[in-house]
Each structure stands twice: as structure tokens, then as C-alpha cells.
Amino acid sequence: MDKKYIFALSVICLILWQSCQPNASEKSKSSYRFLVGTYTQKEGHVNGKAEGIYDVGLNMETGELTTFGIASDLVNPSFLAVMDSHHIYAVNEIGPNAKNYPGRVSHLVIDSLGKYRKSQEGSTFGNAPCHITIHQPSGMYAICNYLGGQLAYGSIGDDGSFNDDMKTLAFSGKSVNPRQESAHLHMSLFTNDGTRLLVSDLGSDMLRVHSVNLTSKTIDSIPLFTFICKAGDGPRHFCLSADETTAYILNELSNTVSQCDFNKESGKLTEVTRKSTLPDSFSGPNTSADIHLSPDGKYMYTSNRGHNSLALFKIKNKKTIPAGHYETGGKTPRNYVITRDGKYLIAANQDTDELVVFGIGKEGKLEKKFKQTVKTPVCLIEI
């Protein structure tokens, strides 16, 4: 393997958790626990003000949030993934800079007392890494570098550490929007069995499906199938139905959701319907950000930055049916998370420094329950 692709990992072993952090028994009072990824410094599209990764508990009876502490000494930990309750992974979304410092990825370990230490940190061989995904059974991971269009991937050892086997795949292409001057990878996702990796490229209006060799821990450089979106769509995030026969692709620039039939064996994606994420009456600027299905697969939500809302869709007989919009009460809602019981949705308002808790009622309707200040929040993940 070329030396420039060797993943140089430095063991830092710094205790990051603040001394004021409550003990484990205090945390257990909340039914669910979440980590919040943030921006800590100014980048081209955001004025990061946070201190790191925030540890937040959700009271399942009242919907109230409690911030337990902050894992600091991390630069722009904007997207998170977990292997298990003891190992957290964060991309450090760093754009081009005077020192030509590339984007990075960090591995954090949670000890038996619930405290964190940063165990590893290394390069992603690209700028502005914006997404990391992990396939737990195989121990493989994939990272999307937004600037430069590189997909970085490798494997994780039994102890949760990154192995020294990172490789990269380079993507190229462009499209009609001024933001689509080159490849901009935004999300990747392994299928449940790990044999396929889907990768969205906002810059070239493509979603590629790659074969994965689980024995050699490698990803084929030539896509098994390439789904061509409409010019100017800008595919950002996507999700699969529980049976993996349907893909829902959120197009950031056209503010639409493409519902596609998905054949995992061939990798083929076939668009069935397209729906707008915005109400017909809205004409202002907007970019779509995140998309998730409810745990029972009956409802789907997308976030709108500009309209500052969550769009609700009903999924019935494999049809996507628009069912309303709910204001988030702040600016630039990015990612959000739905609790595993389908009772609550927590949204991150990036530019107004807050998390907003919604109760999920009948027909998937949302009702605001609680608001908590967290600086520049952009990603939530349950642990």
C-alpha cells in the first residue's frame, strides 16, 4: 500500500471529560443518552462556537434534556458514529487552511465510569470530512471527504481502535449548480450484510453502489451501479427501508425526496416518485439536510434549512405521501434523531445554538416539548 495512505495514528490518552461531570448513577435517571456533534471553530459555512461533543440525557417521561458534560479537545466533531457503548468515532470537519492541515478522524473511549479519553486521531486524506459510517459485524468504516471527493475506508480492531489499513477511493465529476464544481461526497451507508456500500455525491448528482469484500476488507473502486439524479439535485443524505428494497434519497439543492426501488444484488436503483420537502406556498431560499424513517417505517421526516422546518411524510403501501411541516423554532435545523421507541424526535438548530425536543403523536405529528441550549449543534447519536 502506498505510504501516503498509511493511517498515522497517534495515541494521545488525554482525559477529556470535565471534572464537574455527574457520576454514572446520576446519568441513569435519564432513560436515553445522546452525544451531540458540533462545530468548534469558524468554517466557510458556519461560525462554530461549541467546545466539543456534548453528552445529553433525555427524560423519557417529560421530554426534558440534561447536559452532563463536554468531551473537549476536539476540532469540529461534526458527525459521529458508534461501534458500541464504549467506542465513539468523530470526523473532524476541517476545511482548507494556511497550514494545509487535512481533515481528521478521532476515536474516543468511554470507561466504566462514563468518562471519555481520546485514544486515536489521524488524517482522512482529504478536507472537510462530513460523515462516518460503521458496519459493526465486519468492523469496517467509511468516511466521506466533502472537499476533494475522497472516500476513506478501513477496519477497526477488536479493541475498537482503527487498524493501520486506511485506503481511499477518489471520485470526480460536476454538475449545473455553482456548488457542484467538483465531487462532494456527503454520506455513505453499508447494507445490513455489509456487502454493499452506497455513497452520495452532491457535486456530480450521483449515488453510487459499491461491492464490499468482507474477507479482504476492501471496497471495489468501480461502482456496481451508478444512479444518476436530475441535474442540480445535489443528493445529500439517504436511508433504506427495513427490508432494504426501497431507498429514500434527500436532494439538498432541489429540496426533493427521490423514492427508489433498490435491488441489493445488482445494486440497481430505480426512481419511483419525487416529492418536495417544502410547502407549495414557500418561495424563499432553502437547502434540505437530513432524512430518517421512524422505527416502525410508517413515517419519514426531512429537515429544511431556510424554511426552518421538519417535513413529515407518511409511508403507505410503499408510497411517499406529504403530510405537513413543523417549525423547529430556530435557524438551520441540520441533523436530528428519533428515539428507538418512536416517542421523541430531537432536532439540532445549528445557527441558534439549541436542541429542540418534539413528541411524536398519532399519524407521526410533532409537538414541541423542550428546548436546550447547545452551541452550534449539527449531529445527534444515541449511545
Protein backbone atom coordinates (compact mmCIF):
# COMPACT_ATOMS: atom_id res chain seq x y z
CA MET A 1 0.00 0.00 0.00
CA ASP A 2 1.30 3.47 -0.86
CA LYS A 3 2.84 5.10 2.19
CA LYS A 4 0.77 8.25 1.75
CA TYR A 5 -2.31 6.20 2.56
CA ILE A 6 -0.96 4.71 5.77
CA PHE A 7 -3.19 5.82 8.57
CA ALA A 8 -0.82 7.51 11.04
CA LEU A 9 -2.48 7.10 14.41
CA SER A 10 -1.18 8.83 17.48
CA VAL A 11 -2.23 7.55 20.88
CA ILE A 12 -2.89 10.64 22.96
CA CYS A 13 -4.55 9.21 26.09
CA LEU A 14 -5.87 12.56 27.31
CA ILE A 15 -8.74 12.60 29.78
CA LEU A 16 -11.26 14.93 28.17
CA TRP A 17 -14.25 14.81 30.45
CA GLN A 18 -14.73 17.83 32.66
CA SER A 19 -14.27 17.33 36.38
CA CYS A 20 -17.79 18.56 37.05
CA GLN A 21 -19.33 15.64 35.14
CA PRO A 22 -22.08 13.84 37.11
CA ASN A 23 -21.44 10.24 38.00
CA ALA A 24 -22.97 7.24 36.26
CA SER A 25 -25.84 6.90 38.75
CA GLU A 26 -26.98 10.45 38.02
CA LYS A 27 -26.94 9.76 34.27
CA SER A 28 -29.08 6.65 34.69
CA LYS A 29 -32.00 8.84 35.76
CA SER A 30 -32.49 9.63 32.07
CA SER A 31 -33.81 6.77 30.02
CA TYR A 32 -31.80 7.60 26.91
CA ARG A 33 -28.40 9.15 26.35
CA PHE A 34 -27.17 11.04 23.30
CA LEU A 35 -23.97 12.59 22.04
CA VAL A 36 -24.12 15.85 20.10
CA GLY A 37 -21.57 16.64 17.38
CA THR A 38 -20.76 20.32 16.87
CA TYR A 39 -18.59 22.91 15.17
CA THR A 40 -15.93 24.44 17.43
CA GLN A 41 -14.39 26.96 15.04
CA LYS A 42 -15.39 29.13 12.12
CA GLU A 43 -15.54 27.47 8.71
CA GLY A 44 -16.79 28.81 5.40
CA HIS A 45 -20.44 27.92 6.04
CA VAL A 46 -20.71 28.17 9.82
CA ASN A 47 -19.46 30.15 12.79
CA GLY A 48 -18.58 27.32 15.16
CA LYS A 49 -18.84 28.24 18.86
CA ALA A 50 -19.03 24.90 20.67
CA GLU A 51 -16.44 23.23 22.90
CA GLY A 52 -16.62 19.65 21.62
CA ILE A 53 -19.00 16.70 21.90
CA TYR A 54 -21.87 17.23 24.34
CA ASP A 55 -23.23 14.39 26.48
CA VAL A 56 -27.00 14.79 26.81
CA GLY A 57 -29.66 12.75 28.60
CA LEU A 58 -33.36 12.62 27.68
CA ASN A 59 -36.01 12.07 30.32
CA MET A 60 -38.48 9.81 28.57
CA GLU A 61 -41.35 10.84 30.83
CA THR A 62 -41.09 14.62 30.45
CA GLY A 63 -39.03 15.07 27.27
CA GLU A 64 -36.55 17.26 29.14
CA LEU A 65 -32.86 17.27 28.28
CA THR A 66 -29.93 17.44 30.68
CA THR A 67 -26.38 18.24 29.58
CA PHE A 68 -23.97 16.14 31.61
CA GLY A 69 -20.67 17.36 30.24
CA ILE A 70 -18.48 18.05 27.24
CA ALA A 71 -15.73 15.98 25.63
CA SER A 72 -13.37 18.76 24.62
CA ASP A 73 -10.01 19.00 22.78
CA LEU A 74 -11.74 18.11 19.51
CA VAL A 75 -11.90 20.37 16.47
CA ASN A 76 -15.25 20.44 14.64
CA PRO A 77 -16.51 16.96 15.63
CA SER A 78 -19.40 17.46 13.24
CA PHE A 79 -20.52 13.88 12.65
CA LEU A 80 -20.41 10.88 14.98
CA ALA A 81 -20.71 7.10 14.84
CA VAL A 82 -20.59 4.37 17.49
CA MET A 83 -19.28 0.82 17.47
CA ASP A 84 -20.77 0.08 20.89
CA SER A 85 -21.35 1.95 24.14
CA HIS A 86 -17.60 2.24 24.79
CA HIS A 87 -16.26 3.43 21.42
CA ILE A 88 -17.20 6.69 19.68
CA TYR A 89 -15.85 7.94 16.37
CA ALA A 90 -15.94 11.55 15.15
CA VAL A 91 -14.89 13.19 11.91
CA ASN A 92 -13.12 16.49 12.50
CA GLU A 93 -14.51 18.64 9.69
CA ILE A 94 -11.57 20.87 8.84
CA GLY A 95 -11.55 22.75 5.55
CA PRO A 96 -8.54 24.05 3.60
CA ASN A 97 -6.27 26.16 5.79
CA ALA A 98 -2.97 28.02 5.74
CA LYS A 99 -1.10 25.04 7.18
CA ASN A 100 -2.77 22.66 4.72
CA TYR A 101 -3.94 20.67 7.74
CA PRO A 102 -6.24 17.91 6.42
CA GLY A 103 -9.48 16.70 7.87
CA ARG A 104 -9.14 14.20 10.67
CA VAL A 105 -10.98 11.39 12.43
CA SER A 106 -10.91 10.67 16.16
CA HIS A 107 -11.58 7.59 18.27
CA LEU A 108 -12.88 8.18 21.79
CA VAL A 109 -13.13 5.55 24.51
CA ILE A 110 -15.74 5.61 27.27
CA ASP A 111 -14.62 3.93 30.50
CA SER A 112 -16.75 2.15 33.10
CA LEU A 113 -17.37 5.44 34.91
CA GLY A 114 -18.69 7.08 31.76
CA LYS A 115 -15.62 9.28 31.26
CA TYR A 116 -14.02 9.86 27.89
CA ARG A 117 -10.49 9.86 26.57
CA LYS A 118 -9.32 10.45 23.03
CA SER A 119 -7.46 7.28 22.08
CA GLN A 120 -6.54 7.99 18.46
CA GLU A 121 -6.59 10.75 15.89
CA GLY A 122 -5.42 10.65 12.28
CA SER A 123 -5.81 12.06 8.79
CA THR A 124 -8.70 11.30 6.44
CA PHE A 125 -6.51 12.28 3.46
CA GLY A 126 -8.96 14.94 2.37
CA ASN A 127 -10.61 18.15 3.54
CA ALA A 128 -13.90 18.71 5.33
CA PRO A 129 -14.80 15.10 6.21
CA CYS A 130 -18.53 15.35 6.89
CA HIS A 131 -19.73 11.79 7.54
CA ILE A 132 -18.58 8.49 9.01
CA THR A 133 -20.45 5.19 8.95
CA ILE A 134 -19.61 1.88 10.62
CA HIS A 135 -20.66 -1.68 9.84
CA GLN A 136 -20.46 -3.32 13.25
CA PRO A 137 -20.45 -7.02 12.24
CA SER A 138 -17.46 -6.63 9.91
CA GLY A 139 -15.75 -3.82 11.79
CA MET A 140 -15.44 -1.72 8.62
CA TYR A 141 -15.86 2.04 8.42
CA ALA A 142 -16.17 4.61 5.62
CA ILE A 143 -15.57 8.37 5.72
CA CYS A 144 -16.78 10.96 3.20
CA ASN A 145 -14.43 13.89 2.49
CA TYR A 146 -16.71 16.63 1.19
CA LEU A 147 -13.88 18.65 -0.37
CA GLY A 148 -11.80 16.66 -2.83
CA GLY A 149 -14.26 13.80 -3.24
CA GLN A 150 -12.25 11.08 -1.49
CA LEU A 151 -13.87 8.15 0.26
CA ALA A 152 -11.58 6.87 3.04
CA TYR A 153 -12.22 3.43 4.49
CA GLY A 154 -10.64 0.72 6.58
CA SER A 155 -11.23 -1.58 9.51
CA ILE A 156 -11.49 -1.44 13.28
CA GLY A 157 -9.80 -3.91 15.61
CA ASP A 158 -11.37 -5.96 18.39
CA ASP A 159 -10.31 -3.31 20.91
CA GLY A 160 -12.20 -0.61 18.99
CA SER A 161 -9.06 1.03 17.58
CA PHE A 162 -8.57 1.94 13.94
CA ASN A 163 -6.32 -0.56 12.19
CA ASP A 164 -3.42 0.72 10.08
CA ASP A 165 -5.13 -0.12 6.79
CA MET A 166 -6.90 3.03 5.60
CA LYS A 167 -7.39 3.23 1.84
CA THR A 168 -9.03 5.87 -0.35
CA LEU A 169 -11.20 5.96 -3.44
CA ALA A 170 -11.19 9.15 -5.49
CA PHE A 171 -14.39 10.42 -7.09
CA SER A 172 -14.73 13.06 -9.80
CA GLY A 173 -17.50 14.88 -11.61
CA LYS A 174 -19.53 18.07 -11.60
CA SER A 175 -23.00 19.36 -12.42
CA VAL A 176 -25.00 22.52 -13.13
CA ASN A 177 -25.23 24.28 -9.76
CA PRO A 178 -22.37 26.65 -8.78
CA ARG A 179 -21.82 24.44 -5.71
CA GLN A 180 -21.32 21.44 -7.97
CA GLU A 181 -17.96 22.42 -9.44
CA SER A 182 -16.43 19.08 -8.36
CA ALA A 183 -17.22 15.88 -6.49
CA HIS A 184 -18.59 16.45 -2.98
CA LEU A 185 -19.19 13.20 -1.10
CA HIS A 186 -21.75 13.63 1.66
CA MET A 187 -22.86 10.27 3.05
CA SER A 188 -22.12 6.55 2.84
CA LEU A 189 -24.03 3.58 4.20
CA PHE A 190 -23.35 -0.15 4.39
CA THR A 191 -26.22 -2.54 3.78
CA ASN A 192 -27.13 -4.75 6.72
CA ASP A 193 -24.99 -7.64 5.50
CA GLY A 194 -22.11 -5.30 4.69
CA THR A 195 -21.73 -6.46 1.07
CA ARG A 196 -22.75 -3.11 -0.45
CA LEU A 197 -21.76 0.48 0.28
CA LEU A 198 -23.94 3.31 -1.03
CA VAL A 199 -22.24 6.70 -1.47
CA SER A 200 -23.92 10.02 -2.31
CA ASP A 201 -22.02 12.63 -4.33
CA LEU A 202 -23.69 16.03 -4.10
CA GLY A 203 -21.25 17.53 -6.58
CA SER A 204 -21.87 15.19 -9.51
CA ASP A 205 -25.55 14.34 -8.87
CA MET A 206 -24.83 10.63 -8.36
CA LEU A 207 -25.43 7.91 -5.84
CA ARG A 208 -23.02 5.02 -6.36
CA VAL A 209 -23.38 1.45 -5.11
CA HIS A 210 -20.09 -0.39 -4.50
CA SER A 211 -19.39 -4.05 -3.74
CA VAL A 212 -17.60 -4.77 -0.46
CA ASN A 213 -15.26 -7.71 0.12
CA LEU A 214 -15.72 -8.55 3.77
CA THR A 215 -12.79 -11.00 3.77
CA SER A 216 -10.16 -8.61 2.47
CA LYS A 217 -11.91 -5.53 3.98
CA THR A 218 -11.82 -3.75 0.63
CA ILE A 219 -14.31 -1.80 -1.48
CA ASP A 220 -14.40 -2.16 -5.27
CA SER A 221 -13.29 1.07 -6.92
CA ILE A 222 -15.65 0.58 -9.88
CA PRO A 223 -19.30 1.00 -8.82
CA LEU A 224 -21.64 -1.93 -9.21
CA PHE A 225 -24.29 0.63 -10.20
CA THR A 226 -24.46 4.42 -10.51
CA PHE A 227 -27.79 6.16 -10.04
CA ILE A 228 -27.91 9.46 -11.96
CA CYS A 229 -30.04 12.10 -10.26
CA LYS A 230 -31.64 15.01 -12.05
CA ALA A 231 -29.18 17.79 -12.88
CA GLY A 232 -28.88 20.12 -9.89
CA ASP A 233 -30.45 17.72 -7.37
CA GLY A 234 -27.40 17.52 -5.11
CA PRO A 235 -28.04 14.19 -3.31
CA ARG A 236 -27.04 14.62 0.34
CA HIS A 237 -28.36 12.05 2.84
CA PHE A 238 -30.44 8.93 2.26
CA CYS A 239 -31.96 5.99 4.12
CA LEU A 240 -33.13 2.46 3.36
CA SER A 241 -36.33 0.70 4.33
CA ALA A 242 -36.01 -2.10 6.89
CA ASP A 243 -36.10 -4.76 4.16
CA GLU A 244 -33.65 -2.73 2.04
CA THR A 245 -35.87 -2.82 -1.04
CA THR A 246 -36.53 0.94 -1.02
CA ALA A 247 -34.12 3.86 -0.85
CA TYR A 248 -35.14 7.42 0.01
CA ILE A 249 -32.66 9.99 -1.30
CA LEU A 250 -32.79 13.55 0.04
CA ASN A 251 -31.67 16.05 -2.59
CA GLU A 252 -30.21 19.09 -0.87
CA LEU A 253 -30.25 21.55 -3.75
CA SER A 254 -33.61 20.72 -5.36
CA ASN A 255 -35.33 20.16 -1.98
CA THR A 256 -36.86 16.87 -3.05
CA VAL A 257 -37.00 13.25 -1.91
CA SER A 258 -36.47 10.57 -4.54
CA GLN A 259 -38.10 7.26 -3.63
CA CYS A 260 -36.26 4.45 -5.43
CA ASP A 261 -36.64 0.72 -5.72
CA PHE A 262 -33.35 -0.90 -4.66
CA ASN A 263 -32.06 -4.27 -5.83
CA LYS A 264 -29.22 -5.12 -3.47
CA GLU A 265 -27.86 -7.95 -5.61
CA SER A 266 -27.40 -5.84 -8.74
CA GLY A 267 -27.10 -2.53 -6.90
CA LYS A 268 -29.69 -1.02 -9.23
CA LEU A 269 -31.71 1.98 -8.06
CA THR A 270 -34.88 2.94 -9.95
CA GLU A 271 -36.72 6.15 -9.14
CA VAL A 272 -40.43 5.65 -8.45
CA THR A 273 -41.56 9.05 -7.16
CA ARG A 274 -40.21 12.52 -6.31
CA LYS A 275 -41.74 14.71 -3.62
CA SER A 276 -40.91 18.24 -2.49
CA THR A 277 -39.73 18.82 1.07
CA LEU A 278 -41.32 22.29 1.07
CA PRO A 279 -44.89 23.59 1.16
CA ASP A 280 -46.20 24.95 -2.13
CA SER A 281 -46.55 28.43 -0.62
CA PHE A 282 -42.85 28.78 0.23
CA SER A 283 -40.58 30.54 -2.28
CA GLY A 284 -37.51 31.54 -0.26
CA PRO A 285 -34.02 30.00 -0.25
CA ASN A 286 -33.73 26.56 1.31
CA THR A 287 -31.46 23.52 1.40
CA SER A 288 -32.55 20.11 2.67
CA ALA A 289 -30.31 18.46 5.25
CA ASP A 290 -31.32 15.17 6.87
CA ILE A 291 -33.73 12.27 6.37
CA HIS A 292 -34.84 9.41 8.62
CA LEU A 293 -37.62 6.84 8.83
CA SER A 294 -39.49 6.24 12.07
CA PRO A 295 -38.63 2.94 13.80
CA ASP A 296 -41.86 1.34 12.54
CA GLY A 297 -41.23 2.57 8.97
CA LYS A 298 -44.61 4.31 8.77
CA TYR A 299 -43.31 7.89 8.73
CA MET A 300 -40.38 9.81 7.35
CA TYR A 301 -39.02 13.24 8.23
CA THR A 302 -36.67 15.63 6.44
CA SER A 303 -35.12 18.86 7.70
CA ASN A 304 -35.30 22.18 5.84
CA ARG A 305 -32.69 24.93 6.30
CA GLY A 306 -34.29 28.20 5.26
CA HIS A 307 -37.90 27.22 5.81
CA ASN A 308 -36.51 26.01 9.18
CA SER A 309 -38.84 23.10 9.50
CA LEU A 310 -39.23 19.37 9.59
CA ALA A 311 -41.29 17.89 6.77
CA LEU A 312 -43.45 14.86 7.59
CA PHE A 313 -44.21 12.12 5.07
CA LYS A 314 -46.40 9.07 5.53
CA ILE A 315 -45.17 5.80 4.04
CA LYS A 316 -48.16 3.72 2.99
CA ASN A 317 -48.21 0.82 0.53
CA LYS A 318 -44.67 1.83 -0.45
CA LYS A 319 -45.87 5.32 -1.37
CA THR A 320 -44.39 8.58 -0.03
CA ILE A 321 -47.23 10.90 0.98
CA PRO A 322 -46.53 14.52 2.13
CA ALA A 323 -48.27 15.12 5.48
CA GLY A 324 -47.26 18.54 6.79
CA HIS A 325 -44.47 20.75 8.13
CA TYR A 326 -43.38 21.66 11.66
CA GLU A 327 -41.28 24.71 12.52
CA THR A 328 -38.21 23.96 14.60
CA GLY A 329 -38.32 27.35 16.33
CA GLY A 330 -34.75 28.18 15.35
CA LYS A 331 -32.44 28.57 12.38
CA THR A 332 -30.74 25.98 10.19
CA PRO A 333 -32.00 22.62 11.50
CA ARG A 334 -29.34 20.10 10.49
CA ASN A 335 -29.46 16.53 11.72
CA TYR A 336 -31.96 15.04 14.13
CA VAL A 337 -32.52 11.74 15.87
CA ILE A 338 -35.66 9.71 16.59
CA THR A 339 -35.67 7.73 19.83
CA ARG A 340 -35.72 3.98 19.34
CA ASP A 341 -39.25 3.72 20.78
CA GLY A 342 -40.51 6.31 18.26
CA LYS A 343 -41.74 8.59 21.04
CA TYR A 344 -39.48 11.62 20.59
CA LEU A 345 -37.56 13.47 17.89
CA ILE A 346 -34.65 15.75 18.82
CA ALA A 347 -33.60 18.34 16.23
CA ALA A 348 -30.39 20.40 16.15
CA ASN A 349 -30.78 24.09 15.21
CA GLN A 350 -27.22 24.85 14.11
CA ASP A 351 -27.34 28.65 13.90
CA THR A 352 -29.43 29.36 17.01
CA ASP A 353 -27.49 27.05 19.33
CA GLU A 354 -30.25 24.77 20.54
CA LEU A 355 -31.69 21.30 20.63
CA VAL A 356 -35.46 21.02 20.30
CA VAL A 357 -37.40 18.02 21.58
CA PHE A 358 -40.63 17.06 19.82
CA GLY A 359 -43.10 14.49 21.00
CA ILE A 360 -44.26 12.20 18.18
CA GLY A 361 -48.00 11.67 18.27
CA LYS A 362 -50.63 9.97 16.17
CA GLU A 363 -50.03 9.93 12.42
CA GLY A 364 -46.43 10.99 13.07
CA LYS A 365 -47.41 14.54 14.04
CA LEU A 366 -44.90 16.57 16.07
CA GLU A 367 -45.43 18.63 19.23
CA LYS A 368 -42.70 20.77 20.81
CA LYS A 369 -41.83 19.67 24.32
CA PHE A 370 -38.50 21.15 25.37
CA LYS A 371 -35.58 23.29 24.25
CA GLN A 372 -31.97 23.11 25.47
CA THR A 373 -29.05 25.42 24.66
CA VAL A 374 -26.11 23.67 22.96
CA LYS A 375 -23.71 25.72 20.85
CA THR A 376 -23.58 25.05 17.10
CA PRO A 377 -25.14 21.55 17.23
CA VAL A 378 -25.19 19.56 13.98
CA CYS A 379 -25.39 15.82 14.75
CA LEU A 380 -27.07 13.62 17.34
CA ILE A 381 -26.44 9.95 18.03
CA GLU A 382 -27.80 7.63 20.68
CA ILE A 383 -25.43 5.55 22.80
